[in-house]
Protein backbone atom coordinates (compact mmCIF):
# COMPACT_ATOMS: atom_id res chain seq x y z
CA MET A 1 237.81 189.65 66.42
CA LYS A 2 240.53 190.82 68.80
CA LYS A 3 238.84 188.96 71.68
CA PHE A 4 238.75 185.79 69.60
CA ILE A 5 242.47 186.09 68.77
CA ASP A 6 243.26 186.70 72.45
CA THR A 7 241.25 183.59 73.38
CA ILE A 8 243.17 181.45 70.89
CA SER A 9 246.40 182.84 72.36
CA ASN A 10 245.22 181.94 75.88
CA ILE A 11 244.40 178.40 74.72
CA TRP A 12 247.95 178.00 73.43
CA LYS A 13 249.42 179.28 76.73
CA ILE A 14 247.86 176.45 78.75
CA GLU A 15 250.24 173.54 78.27
CA GLU A 16 247.80 170.78 79.25
CA LEU A 17 245.06 172.13 76.97
CA ARG A 18 247.52 172.66 74.12
CA ASN A 19 248.77 169.07 74.39
CA ARG A 20 245.23 167.70 74.49
CA ILE A 21 244.27 169.65 71.37
CA ILE A 22 247.39 168.45 69.51
CA ILE A 23 246.68 164.82 70.51
CA THR A 24 243.05 165.19 69.40
CA LEU A 25 244.00 166.64 66.02
CA GLY A 26 246.64 163.95 65.51
CA LEU A 27 244.24 161.08 66.25
CA LEU A 28 241.56 162.63 64.02
CA LEU A 29 244.16 162.86 61.24
CA VAL A 30 244.94 159.16 61.68
CA TYR A 31 241.22 158.34 61.37
CA ARG A 32 240.83 160.46 58.22
CA PHE A 33 243.92 158.84 56.69
CA GLY A 34 242.50 155.37 57.37
CA CYS A 35 239.24 156.32 55.64
CA GLN A 36 241.16 156.63 52.37
CA ILE A 37 242.85 153.19 52.52
CA VAL A 38 240.97 150.71 50.30
CA LEU A 39 240.55 147.12 51.44
CA PRO A 40 243.29 144.80 50.11
CA GLY A 41 242.04 142.74 47.19
CA ILE A 42 239.75 145.47 45.76
CA ASP A 43 240.67 147.57 42.71
CA SER A 44 240.09 151.18 43.77
CA THR A 45 239.77 152.34 40.13
CA GLN A 46 236.51 150.40 39.74
CA LEU A 47 234.63 151.86 42.71
CA GLY A 48 232.81 154.57 40.73
CA GLY A 49 229.56 152.64 40.89
CA LEU A 50 229.81 152.39 44.67
CA ALA A 51 230.23 156.17 44.97
CA ASP A 52 227.21 156.75 42.71
CA GLY A 53 225.10 154.21 44.61
CA THR A 54 225.76 155.82 48.00
CA ASP A 55 225.44 159.51 47.08
CA GLN A 56 221.87 159.80 48.38
CA GLY A 57 219.25 158.02 50.43
CA ILE A 58 219.92 156.21 53.69
CA PHE A 59 223.24 154.92 52.37
CA GLY A 60 224.27 158.47 51.55
CA LEU A 61 223.67 159.36 55.18
CA LEU A 62 225.67 156.32 56.31
CA ASN A 63 228.48 157.32 53.97
CA ALA A 64 228.43 160.82 55.49
CA PHE A 65 228.74 159.37 59.01
CA THR A 66 231.81 157.39 57.95
CA GLY A 67 233.40 160.37 56.23
CA GLY A 68 233.25 158.75 52.78
CA ALA A 69 234.85 155.49 53.98
CA PHE A 70 231.69 153.53 53.10
CA ALA A 71 231.89 154.62 49.43
CA ASN A 72 235.67 154.09 49.33
CA ALA A 73 235.44 150.43 50.45
CA SER A 74 237.90 151.53 53.11
CA ILE A 75 239.28 149.62 56.07
CA PHE A 76 237.06 151.99 58.14
CA ALA A 77 234.00 151.33 55.95
CA LEU A 78 231.91 150.28 58.96
CA GLY A 79 232.92 153.46 60.75
CA ILE A 80 232.03 153.87 64.39
CA MET A 81 228.33 153.11 63.89
CA PRO A 82 228.52 149.48 65.21
CA TYR A 83 229.76 150.92 68.51
CA ILE A 84 226.89 153.41 68.55
CA SER A 85 224.43 150.58 67.87
CA ALA A 86 225.95 148.48 70.66
CA SER A 87 225.74 151.41 73.08
CA ILE A 88 222.06 151.91 72.27
CA VAL A 89 221.32 148.20 72.71
CA VAL A 90 223.11 148.07 76.09
CA GLN A 91 221.31 151.21 77.24
CA LEU A 92 217.91 149.81 76.31
CA MET A 93 218.73 146.41 77.83
CA GLY A 94 219.57 148.22 81.08
CA ILE A 95 215.84 148.87 81.51
CA ALA A 96 214.91 145.19 81.59
CA ILE A 97 218.01 143.28 82.75
CA PRO A 98 218.64 143.46 86.54
CA TYR A 99 222.37 142.73 86.14
CA LEU A 100 222.86 145.84 83.99
CA GLN A 101 220.73 147.88 86.37
CA LYS A 102 223.00 146.78 89.21
CA LEU A 103 226.10 147.76 87.22
CA GLN A 104 224.65 151.22 86.54
CA LYS A 105 224.42 151.80 90.30
CA GLU A 106 227.98 150.68 91.08
CA GLY A 107 229.66 153.88 89.93
CA GLU A 108 233.01 153.79 88.15
CA SER A 109 233.55 150.02 88.42
CA GLY A 110 230.10 149.33 87.00
CA ARG A 111 230.69 151.80 84.17
CA LYS A 112 233.91 150.00 83.21
CA THR A 113 232.09 146.66 83.09
CA ILE A 114 229.32 148.14 80.95
CA ASN A 115 231.93 149.61 78.60
CA GLN A 116 233.55 146.20 78.27
CA ILE A 117 230.18 144.59 77.47
CA THR A 118 229.59 147.31 74.86
CA ARG A 119 232.98 146.61 73.24
CA TRP A 120 232.31 142.88 72.91
CA LEU A 121 228.84 143.55 71.53
CA THR A 122 230.42 145.95 69.02
CA ILE A 123 232.68 143.16 67.77
CA GLY A 124 229.66 140.86 67.44
CA ILE A 125 227.76 143.45 65.39
CA CYS A 126 230.83 144.00 63.18
CA ILE A 127 231.14 140.26 62.49
CA VAL A 128 227.56 140.35 61.16
CA GLN A 129 227.82 143.64 59.25
CA ALA A 130 231.22 143.08 57.61
CA PRO A 131 230.21 140.09 55.37
CA ALA A 132 226.91 141.83 54.58
CA TYR A 133 228.84 144.91 53.42
CA LEU A 134 231.26 142.90 51.29
CA TYR A 135 228.55 140.85 49.61
CA GLY A 136 226.45 143.99 49.13
CA LEU A 137 229.14 145.82 47.16
CA GLY A 138 227.90 144.18 43.97
CA ALA A 139 224.40 145.59 44.53
CA PHE A 140 225.93 149.09 44.72
CA GLY A 141 227.46 148.77 41.27
CA VAL A 142 230.91 147.34 42.03
CA PRO A 143 231.73 144.86 39.21
CA ASP A 144 233.12 141.41 39.92
CA THR A 145 236.33 142.39 38.16
CA ALA A 146 237.02 144.84 41.02
CA PHE A 147 237.64 141.87 43.32
CA ILE A 148 241.19 140.96 42.37
CA LEU A 149 241.14 137.70 44.33
CA GLY A 150 237.48 136.98 43.65
CA LYS A 151 234.87 136.57 46.40
CA GLY A 152 236.18 133.33 47.83
CA LEU A 153 237.19 132.63 51.39
CA ASP A 154 240.77 133.70 50.70
CA PHE A 155 239.40 137.24 50.24
CA MET A 156 236.36 137.26 52.51
CA ILE A 157 238.01 136.04 55.73
CA PRO A 158 240.92 138.56 55.68
CA ALA A 159 238.54 141.36 54.55
CA VAL A 160 236.12 140.63 57.42
CA ILE A 161 239.00 140.60 59.91
CA ILE A 162 240.28 143.93 58.54
CA LEU A 163 236.82 145.56 58.69
CA VAL A 164 236.25 144.36 62.26
CA SER A 165 239.74 145.49 63.26
CA GLY A 166 239.13 148.85 61.58
CA CYS A 167 235.98 149.44 63.63
CA VAL A 168 237.73 148.37 66.85
CA PHE A 169 240.67 150.66 66.03
CA ALA A 170 238.28 153.57 65.38
CA MET A 171 236.61 152.82 68.72
CA TRP A 172 240.05 152.86 70.38
CA LEU A 173 240.84 156.21 68.74
CA GLY A 174 237.60 157.64 70.12
CA GLU A 175 238.34 156.42 73.64
CA LYS A 176 241.89 157.85 73.48
CA ILE A 177 240.51 161.22 72.38
CA THR A 178 238.16 161.09 75.36
CA ASP A 179 240.96 160.15 77.82
CA LYS A 180 243.97 162.01 76.43
CA GLY A 181 242.33 164.64 74.21
CA ILE A 182 239.60 167.21 74.74
CA GLY A 183 236.83 164.63 75.26
CA ASN A 184 233.77 163.43 73.31
CA GLY A 185 236.00 161.14 71.25
CA ILE A 186 233.33 159.00 69.57
CA SER A 187 231.20 162.05 68.80
CA LEU A 188 234.19 163.89 67.34
CA LEU A 189 234.91 160.97 64.99
CA ILE A 190 231.34 161.08 63.71
CA MET A 191 231.41 164.88 63.39
CA ILE A 192 234.71 164.94 61.50
CA GLY A 193 233.33 162.33 59.10
CA ILE A 194 230.24 164.44 58.44
CA ILE A 195 232.29 167.61 57.96
CA ALA A 196 234.61 165.79 55.53
CA THR A 197 231.78 165.40 53.01
CA MET A 198 230.59 169.01 53.33
CA PRO A 199 233.05 170.72 50.90
CA GLN A 200 232.29 168.26 48.10
CA SER A 201 228.53 168.64 48.64
CA PHE A 202 228.76 172.43 48.60
CA VAL A 203 230.91 172.42 45.44
CA GLN A 204 228.35 170.20 43.68
CA GLU A 205 225.58 172.61 44.69
CA PHE A 206 227.65 175.62 43.59
CA VAL A 207 228.39 174.08 40.18
CA SER A 208 224.73 173.12 39.72
CA ARG A 209 223.54 176.66 40.45
CA THR A 210 226.14 178.51 38.41
CA THR A 211 226.54 176.32 35.30
CA ASN A 212 222.94 175.30 34.65
CA ASN A 213 221.43 178.80 34.91
CA ASN A 214 219.64 177.61 38.03
CA GLY A 215 219.63 180.68 40.25
CA GLY A 216 223.29 181.67 40.14
CA LEU A 217 225.28 183.26 42.95
CA MET A 218 222.28 185.07 44.43
CA PHE A 219 220.53 181.76 45.11
CA ILE A 220 223.73 180.37 46.64
CA LEU A 221 223.77 183.36 49.01
CA ILE A 222 220.13 182.74 49.97
CA GLU A 223 220.90 179.08 50.67
CA VAL A 224 223.86 179.97 52.90
CA ILE A 225 221.74 182.48 54.86
CA VAL A 226 218.99 179.90 55.34
CA TRP A 227 221.62 177.37 56.43
CA PHE A 228 222.97 179.71 59.11
CA LEU A 229 219.43 180.34 60.37
CA VAL A 230 218.85 176.58 60.63
CA ILE A 231 222.12 176.25 62.58
CA LEU A 232 220.93 178.98 64.96
CA ALA A 233 217.63 177.13 65.47
CA SER A 234 219.55 173.90 66.13
CA VAL A 235 221.71 175.63 68.76
CA LEU A 236 218.58 176.91 70.49
CA LEU A 237 217.10 173.40 70.48
CA VAL A 238 220.25 171.82 71.90
CA MET A 239 220.81 174.40 74.66
CA ALA A 240 217.26 175.36 75.69
CA THR A 241 216.21 174.29 79.20
CA ARG A 242 213.31 174.75 81.58
CA GLN A 243 214.69 175.64 85.01
CA ILE A 244 212.73 174.33 88.00
CA PRO A 245 213.44 176.36 91.18
CA VAL A 246 214.64 174.36 94.18
CA GLN A 247 215.00 175.57 97.77
CA TYR A 248 217.01 174.07 100.62
CA ALA A 249 215.58 174.55 104.09
CA ARG A 250 219.04 174.34 105.60
CA ARG A 251 222.33 173.93 103.87
CA THR A 252 225.88 174.15 105.16
CA ALA A 253 228.29 176.17 103.09
CA SER A 254 231.95 176.85 103.79
CA GLY A 255 233.72 180.00 102.73
CA GLY A 256 236.48 180.43 105.26
CA TYR A 257 233.98 179.80 108.04
CA GLU A 258 230.84 177.70 108.45
CA LYS A 259 227.43 179.29 108.25
CA ASN A 260 223.83 178.19 107.65
CA VAL A 261 222.18 179.39 104.50
CA MET A 262 218.40 179.51 104.98
CA GLY A 263 216.22 179.24 101.92
CA SER A 264 219.06 178.97 99.40
CA ARG A 265 217.57 178.69 95.91
CA GLN A 266 218.97 176.69 93.02
CA TYR A 267 217.51 175.20 89.83
CA ILE A 268 216.99 171.82 88.18
CA PRO A 269 217.62 172.28 84.45
CA LEU A 270 215.28 170.13 82.35
CA LYS A 271 216.36 170.10 78.71
CA LEU A 272 213.82 170.87 76.02
CA ASN A 273 215.40 168.11 73.91
CA ALA A 274 216.67 165.63 76.47
CA SER A 275 216.87 162.78 73.94
CA GLY A 276 219.32 164.45 71.53
CA VAL A 277 219.48 162.80 68.09
CA MET A 278 218.48 159.34 69.30
CA PRO A 279 214.80 159.62 68.19
CA ILE A 280 215.98 160.39 64.63
CA ILE A 281 218.31 157.37 64.67
CA PHE A 282 215.52 155.10 65.98
CA ALA A 283 213.05 156.44 63.42
CA GLN A 284 215.50 155.95 60.55
CA ALA A 285 215.97 152.32 61.59
CA ILE A 286 212.19 151.78 61.49
CA MET A 287 211.82 153.48 58.08
CA PHE A 288 213.16 150.34 56.41
CA VAL A 289 209.97 148.49 57.40
CA PRO A 290 207.47 150.13 54.97
CA GLY A 291 209.72 149.29 52.01
CA MET A 292 210.00 145.69 53.22
CA ILE A 293 206.22 145.48 53.55
CA GLY A 294 205.88 146.82 50.01
CA GLY A 295 208.33 144.19 48.79
CA ALA A 296 206.25 141.46 50.42
CA PHE A 297 203.19 142.63 48.39
CA ASP A 298 205.14 143.35 45.22
CA ASP A 299 202.42 141.91 42.95
CA THR A 300 199.77 144.37 44.19
CA SER A 301 199.31 148.06 43.48
CA PHE A 302 199.54 148.71 47.24
CA GLY A 303 202.94 147.02 47.47
CA GLN A 304 204.29 148.93 44.48
CA TRP A 305 203.00 152.21 45.93
CA MET A 306 204.71 151.45 49.26
CA GLN A 307 208.02 150.72 47.56
CA VAL A 308 207.91 153.90 45.47
CA GLN A 309 206.81 156.21 48.29
CA PHE A 310 209.15 154.92 51.00
CA SER A 311 212.27 154.47 48.89
CA ASP A 312 212.56 158.24 48.40
CA ILE A 313 213.87 159.86 51.60
CA PHE A 314 212.82 163.26 50.24
CA GLY A 315 209.24 162.18 49.49
CA TRP A 316 206.25 163.57 51.39
CA ALA A 317 204.85 160.20 52.55
CA TYR A 318 208.27 159.12 53.83
CA ASN A 319 208.81 162.34 55.77
CA LEU A 320 205.31 162.53 57.27
CA LEU A 321 205.76 159.06 58.75
CA PHE A 322 209.35 159.93 59.67
CA ALA A 323 208.25 163.05 61.61
CA PHE A 324 205.49 161.12 63.42
CA LEU A 325 207.93 158.38 64.50
CA ILE A 326 210.41 161.00 65.76
CA ILE A 327 207.75 162.55 68.00
CA ILE A 328 206.82 159.10 69.38
CA PHE A 329 210.45 158.05 69.96
CA THR A 330 211.28 161.40 71.59
CA TYR A 331 208.72 160.69 74.32
CA PHE A 332 209.90 157.08 74.60
CA TYR A 333 213.62 157.87 74.87
CA THR A 334 213.05 160.81 77.22
CA ALA A 335 210.98 158.57 79.51
CA ILE A 336 213.77 155.99 79.83
CA THR A 337 216.70 158.40 80.11
CA VAL A 338 215.32 161.11 82.41
CA PRO A 339 214.67 159.40 85.80
CA THR A 340 212.30 161.91 87.38
CA ASN A 341 211.58 159.63 90.37
CA LYS A 342 215.30 159.25 91.08
CA MET A 343 215.74 163.03 90.79
CA ALA A 344 212.95 163.50 93.32
CA ASP A 345 214.51 160.97 95.74
CA ASP A 346 217.96 162.57 95.45
CA LEU A 347 216.43 165.99 96.04
CA LYS A 348 214.61 164.74 99.14
CA ARG A 349 217.77 163.14 100.57
CA SER A 350 219.71 166.36 100.10
CA GLY A 351 217.09 168.38 101.99
CA GLY A 352 215.79 170.23 98.94
CA PHE A 353 212.26 170.81 97.74
CA ILE A 354 210.38 172.54 94.94
CA PRO A 355 208.33 175.43 96.39
CA GLY A 356 204.69 174.43 96.70
CA ILE A 357 205.37 170.72 95.99
CA ARG A 358 205.74 168.04 98.64
CA PRO A 359 209.02 166.08 98.58
CA GLY A 360 208.96 162.51 97.35
CA LYS A 361 206.32 161.10 95.01
CA GLU A 362 204.57 164.42 94.37
CA THR A 363 207.86 165.97 93.32
CA GLY A 364 208.51 163.06 90.95
CA ASP A 365 205.03 163.42 89.45
CA PHE A 366 205.53 167.17 89.08
CA LEU A 367 208.86 166.74 87.30
CA ASP A 368 207.36 164.06 85.06
CA LYS A 369 204.49 166.39 84.15
CA ILE A 370 206.90 169.23 83.31
CA MET A 371 209.03 166.90 81.17
CA SER A 372 205.93 165.77 79.27
CA LEU A 373 204.88 169.37 78.62
CA ILE A 374 208.27 170.58 77.36
CA THR A 375 208.93 167.39 75.38
CA LEU A 376 205.98 168.10 73.05
CA PRO A 377 207.38 171.34 71.54
CA GLY A 378 210.87 169.85 71.67
CA SER A 379 209.78 166.75 69.73
CA ILE A 380 207.89 168.81 67.13
CA PHE A 381 210.91 171.09 66.66
CA LEU A 382 213.17 168.04 66.34
CA ALA A 383 210.83 166.47 63.76
CA LEU A 384 210.79 169.71 61.72
CA LEU A 385 214.58 169.82 61.71
CA ALA A 386 214.71 166.18 60.67
CA VAL A 387 212.43 166.65 57.63
CA LEU A 388 213.87 170.05 56.67
CA PRO A 389 216.27 168.49 54.09
CA ALA A 390 213.26 167.12 52.20
CA ILE A 391 211.56 170.53 52.38
CA VAL A 392 214.55 172.39 50.91
CA VAL A 393 214.91 169.77 48.18
CA LYS A 394 211.26 170.15 47.15
CA LEU A 395 210.96 173.93 47.54
CA LEU A 396 214.47 175.18 46.69
CA ASP A 397 215.63 172.35 44.39
CA VAL A 398 218.81 171.89 46.45
CA GLN A 399 221.19 169.04 45.61
CA ALA A 400 220.54 165.96 47.77
CA GLY A 401 224.06 165.87 49.28
CA TRP A 402 223.99 169.53 50.32
CA ALA A 403 220.39 169.25 51.58
CA LEU A 404 221.44 166.74 54.26
CA PHE A 405 223.29 169.58 56.03
CA TYR A 406 220.07 171.58 56.42
CA GLY A 407 218.84 169.44 59.27
CA GLY A 408 218.44 165.92 60.50
CA THR A 409 221.05 163.84 62.28
CA SER A 410 224.05 165.37 60.50
CA LEU A 411 223.38 168.96 61.54
CA LEU A 412 222.30 168.13 65.09
CA ILE A 413 225.41 166.01 65.66
CA MET A 414 227.67 168.78 64.36
CA VAL A 415 225.97 171.42 66.49
CA GLY A 416 225.81 169.29 69.65
CA VAL A 417 229.42 168.11 69.44
CA ALA A 418 230.67 171.61 68.60
CA ILE A 419 228.89 173.06 71.64
CA ASP A 420 230.23 170.31 73.94
CA THR A 421 233.78 170.82 72.63
CA VAL A 422 233.61 174.58 73.11
CA GLN A 423 232.36 174.04 76.66
CA GLN A 424 235.25 171.64 77.35
CA VAL A 425 237.79 174.22 76.16
CA ASN A 426 235.89 176.94 77.99
CA SER A 427 236.16 175.07 81.31
CA TYR A 428 239.96 174.86 80.94
CA LEU A 429 240.18 178.59 80.24
CA LEU A 430 237.95 179.57 83.16
CA ASN A 431 239.89 177.31 85.53
CA ARG A 432 243.03 179.24 84.56
CA HIS A 433 241.18 182.57 85.01
CA TYR A 434 241.09 183.32 81.28
CA ASP A 435 238.05 184.59 79.40
CA GLY A 436 236.19 181.74 77.76
CA LEU A 437 234.94 181.22 74.23
CA MET A 438 231.30 181.65 75.28
CA LYS A 439 229.87 184.92 76.52
CA THR A 440 226.74 183.43 78.05
CA GLY A 441 225.97 180.53 80.30
CA LYS A 442 225.77 176.89 79.32
CA ASN A 443 222.01 176.71 79.04
CA ARG A 444 219.39 179.00 77.60
CA LYS A 445 216.18 179.46 79.55
CA VAL A 446 212.80 178.90 78.00
CA ALA A 447 209.46 179.77 79.47
């Protein structure tokens, strides 16, 4: 405890780091304040149906990502998700479009152009999603009387402009946190939105256990212990790497004088889960399809079965297909984001080689083989974490809102962003010769 207090004191001593943390907290506070501002023209006292309609299912997850702004009909109701969607689209298009491939190779100038393309695509996605959200409020239980000005153009046009502007402003906040704050701005906005719904979810679970004679405090304690164990497993998944030894036949190093280091050994860290949470996001997008297929065959027993089974995100059929898709998308996303051939070429140009493997194509094939081998357990572990909320709901009878924090996208985002933020702060401390927040290295080795 004393070491932790000393570390906090050291953080406050570094003026640059202190200013960045204050700026980050201030911008996050602005974002949370905006999530509570209801769209002009909507009666906030009649939004109870919207809150009830988005307390579970895929819309409950979306509401968690926006920090409750989706259920509040807030000016930030779209959250930062359109920007995430645009980033994914641009990244995938970079595989097939030569112009984007060229930009990716141009360094900083190319990155700025790609960022600008992503911003414009974000606005385009918002223009489509904003009217869909406004017209969909009625389906979530918002009565027509809640629309003070009605649903005419005099309400829709300003509301769409406000929603689009809210998303762009949230995107700007994220970029400012990245530039002026402690980094990972967009990720921090998502994480703070997820954390904002945690106290309410835990209170609902606590009340359910203690007032309905449903396990009491002892069961709450068991749930918290299981939750901490799941967090530990998530940390291991995020940080685990397979280190490939690399040797350099001759490398020049300077340390006051020049000398040749023969046979210097380093490592290429290959992450067990190189794709992060993207396979879960892709799989969740696809999980709408079975319900749509069931709706197309609504008159048949098969169509009705499809609608029932795949409308419940805690159902067994839903989660079996969900886990299978996550494993498939983990391989797909890892293949397009981990350029093993480029790694092999860069290693060859720098005079390095993997012991026992010829430089060039054989090295690329070797790295690709290793990635395929470690991706299998990584994808299975990721799929288990993704379906764990459904498991705890079925086995432990946990409330749906609290169950979402036992795995899936929410938990992995919180763990990943928290680790990245700690590492950012840690780098500032170590640069100033202070002890960091982490006792061990950045990555954890796996066999």
